[in-house]
Amino acid sequence: MSDTDCLFCKMITGTIPSDPVYADEQVIVIKDINPQAEVHLLVIPRLHIISLDDLDESHDTLMSHIMRLLPKLAKEHGLSEGFRTIINTGRGGGQVIFHLHIHLLGGKQLPGFG
């Protein structure tokens, strides 16, 4: 299921070109076009899910797959010292593209949240 107006759905279907650094049957992973860190990847489910608020039990396998994939991607991109993941949810949470995606960031020292 996809949303014909969704930027990420268009990338997934090939309507808009993208250059995935990783892809499988459940997700694509691209470099963020406006990176906030030395490494800044977006892990995007192929299934159109608007946000974290829209997850239900039917998404458990997908989310488990993504959670296990994140450390693997981090290591493959040289983030052996650690990494950060961010999921923006809703306008108030900073979400700009309304298709669930996970930011994977790392590299040089990231600023803290404290």
Protein backbone atom coordinates (compact mmCIF):
# COMPACT_ATOMS: atom_id res chain seq x y z
CA MET A 1 0.00 0.00 0.00
CA SER A 2 1.39 3.42 -0.92
CA ASP A 3 0.30 7.03 -1.00
CA THR A 4 0.62 8.49 -4.50
CA ASP A 5 1.50 11.94 -3.10
CA CYS A 6 4.17 10.67 -0.68
CA LEU A 7 7.78 11.55 -1.54
CA PHE A 8 9.15 8.34 0.00
CA CYS A 9 6.51 6.17 -1.74
CA LYS A 10 7.56 7.75 -5.04
CA MET A 11 11.19 6.86 -4.28
CA ILE A 12 10.19 3.30 -3.40
CA THR A 13 8.23 2.85 -6.63
CA GLY A 14 10.92 4.53 -8.74
CA THR A 15 8.75 7.47 -9.78
CA ILE A 16 11.40 9.71 -8.21
CA PRO A 17 14.99 8.50 -8.58
CA SER A 18 16.86 7.59 -5.43
CA ASP A 19 20.18 5.96 -4.71
CA PRO A 20 19.60 3.48 -1.88
CA VAL A 21 22.63 2.44 0.14
CA TYR A 22 20.64 -0.63 1.21
CA ALA A 23 17.36 -2.21 0.14
CA ASP A 24 15.44 -5.37 0.90
CA GLU A 25 11.84 -6.51 0.64
CA GLN A 26 10.79 -4.45 3.68
CA VAL A 27 12.84 -1.21 3.60
CA ILE A 28 15.04 1.09 1.60
CA VAL A 29 17.86 3.12 3.13
CA ILE A 30 19.03 6.40 1.63
CA LYS A 31 21.41 9.17 2.61
CA ASP A 32 19.63 12.22 3.98
CA ILE A 33 19.82 15.10 1.47
CA ASN A 34 20.31 17.55 4.34
CA PRO A 35 22.67 15.61 6.65
CA GLN A 36 22.85 16.62 10.29
CA ALA A 37 25.87 14.41 10.99
CA GLU A 38 28.85 12.89 9.22
CA VAL A 39 26.68 9.81 8.60
CA HIS A 40 22.95 10.49 8.26
CA LEU A 41 20.82 7.72 6.78
CA LEU A 42 17.05 7.34 6.53
CA VAL A 43 15.56 3.88 7.00
CA ILE A 44 12.22 3.90 5.18
CA PRO A 45 9.66 1.08 5.28
CA ARG A 46 8.31 0.16 1.85
CA LEU A 47 4.87 -0.01 3.45
CA HIS A 48 3.28 3.43 3.70
CA ILE A 49 2.79 4.06 7.42
CA ILE A 50 2.19 7.72 8.24
CA SER A 51 3.96 7.86 11.60
CA LEU A 52 4.89 5.98 14.74
CA ASP A 53 1.37 6.78 15.99
CA ASP A 54 -0.05 4.61 13.22
CA LEU A 55 1.73 1.38 14.13
CA ASP A 56 -0.25 -1.63 15.25
CA GLU A 57 0.45 -5.32 15.87
CA SER A 58 0.55 -6.04 12.14
CA HIS A 59 3.77 -3.98 11.94
CA ASP A 60 5.66 -5.93 14.64
CA THR A 61 7.74 -7.99 12.20
CA LEU A 62 8.64 -4.91 10.14
CA MET A 63 9.69 -2.88 13.18
CA SER A 64 11.70 -5.78 14.59
CA HIS A 65 13.47 -6.06 11.24
CA ILE A 66 14.29 -2.34 11.28
CA MET A 67 15.57 -2.40 14.87
CA ARG A 68 17.92 -5.29 14.07
CA LEU A 69 19.02 -3.63 10.82
CA LEU A 70 20.04 -0.30 12.41
CA PRO A 71 23.18 -1.57 14.23
CA LYS A 72 24.24 -3.49 11.12
CA LEU A 73 23.93 -0.36 8.97
CA ALA A 74 25.79 1.68 11.58
CA LYS A 75 28.72 -0.72 11.58
CA GLU A 76 28.78 -0.89 7.77
CA HIS A 77 29.06 2.91 7.70
CA GLY A 78 31.95 3.05 10.16
CA LEU A 79 30.00 3.92 13.31
CA SER A 80 31.81 1.48 15.59
CA GLU A 81 31.80 3.93 18.54
CA GLY A 82 28.02 4.36 18.57
CA PHE A 83 25.17 6.04 16.78
CA ARG A 84 21.89 7.86 17.34
CA THR A 85 18.42 7.02 16.04
CA ILE A 86 15.58 9.52 15.80
CA ILE A 87 11.93 9.06 14.87
CA ASN A 88 10.06 12.34 14.46
CA THR A 89 6.34 11.79 15.04
CA GLY A 90 3.71 14.34 14.00
CA ARG A 91 4.15 18.02 13.24
CA GLY A 92 4.82 18.79 16.91
CA GLY A 93 7.59 16.18 16.92
CA GLY A 94 9.30 17.67 13.86
CA GLN A 95 7.97 15.23 11.26
CA VAL A 96 8.10 16.80 7.79
CA ILE A 97 7.47 13.81 5.50
CA PHE A 98 4.45 11.85 6.64
CA HIS A 99 5.81 8.38 5.94
CA LEU A 100 7.43 6.69 8.93
CA HIS A 101 11.23 6.79 8.72
CA ILE A 102 14.10 6.40 11.15
CA HIS A 103 17.12 8.69 11.11
CA LEU A 104 20.45 6.95 11.77
CA LEU A 105 23.15 9.47 12.67
CA GLY A 106 26.75 9.24 13.73
CA GLY A 107 30.34 10.13 13.08
CA LYS A 108 32.11 12.91 14.88
CA GLN A 109 30.90 13.72 18.38
CA LEU A 110 27.15 14.34 18.30
CA PRO A 111 25.75 17.02 20.60
CA GLY A 112 24.02 15.71 23.71
CA PHE A 113 20.41 16.11 24.72
CA GLY A 114 21.01 17.21 28.28
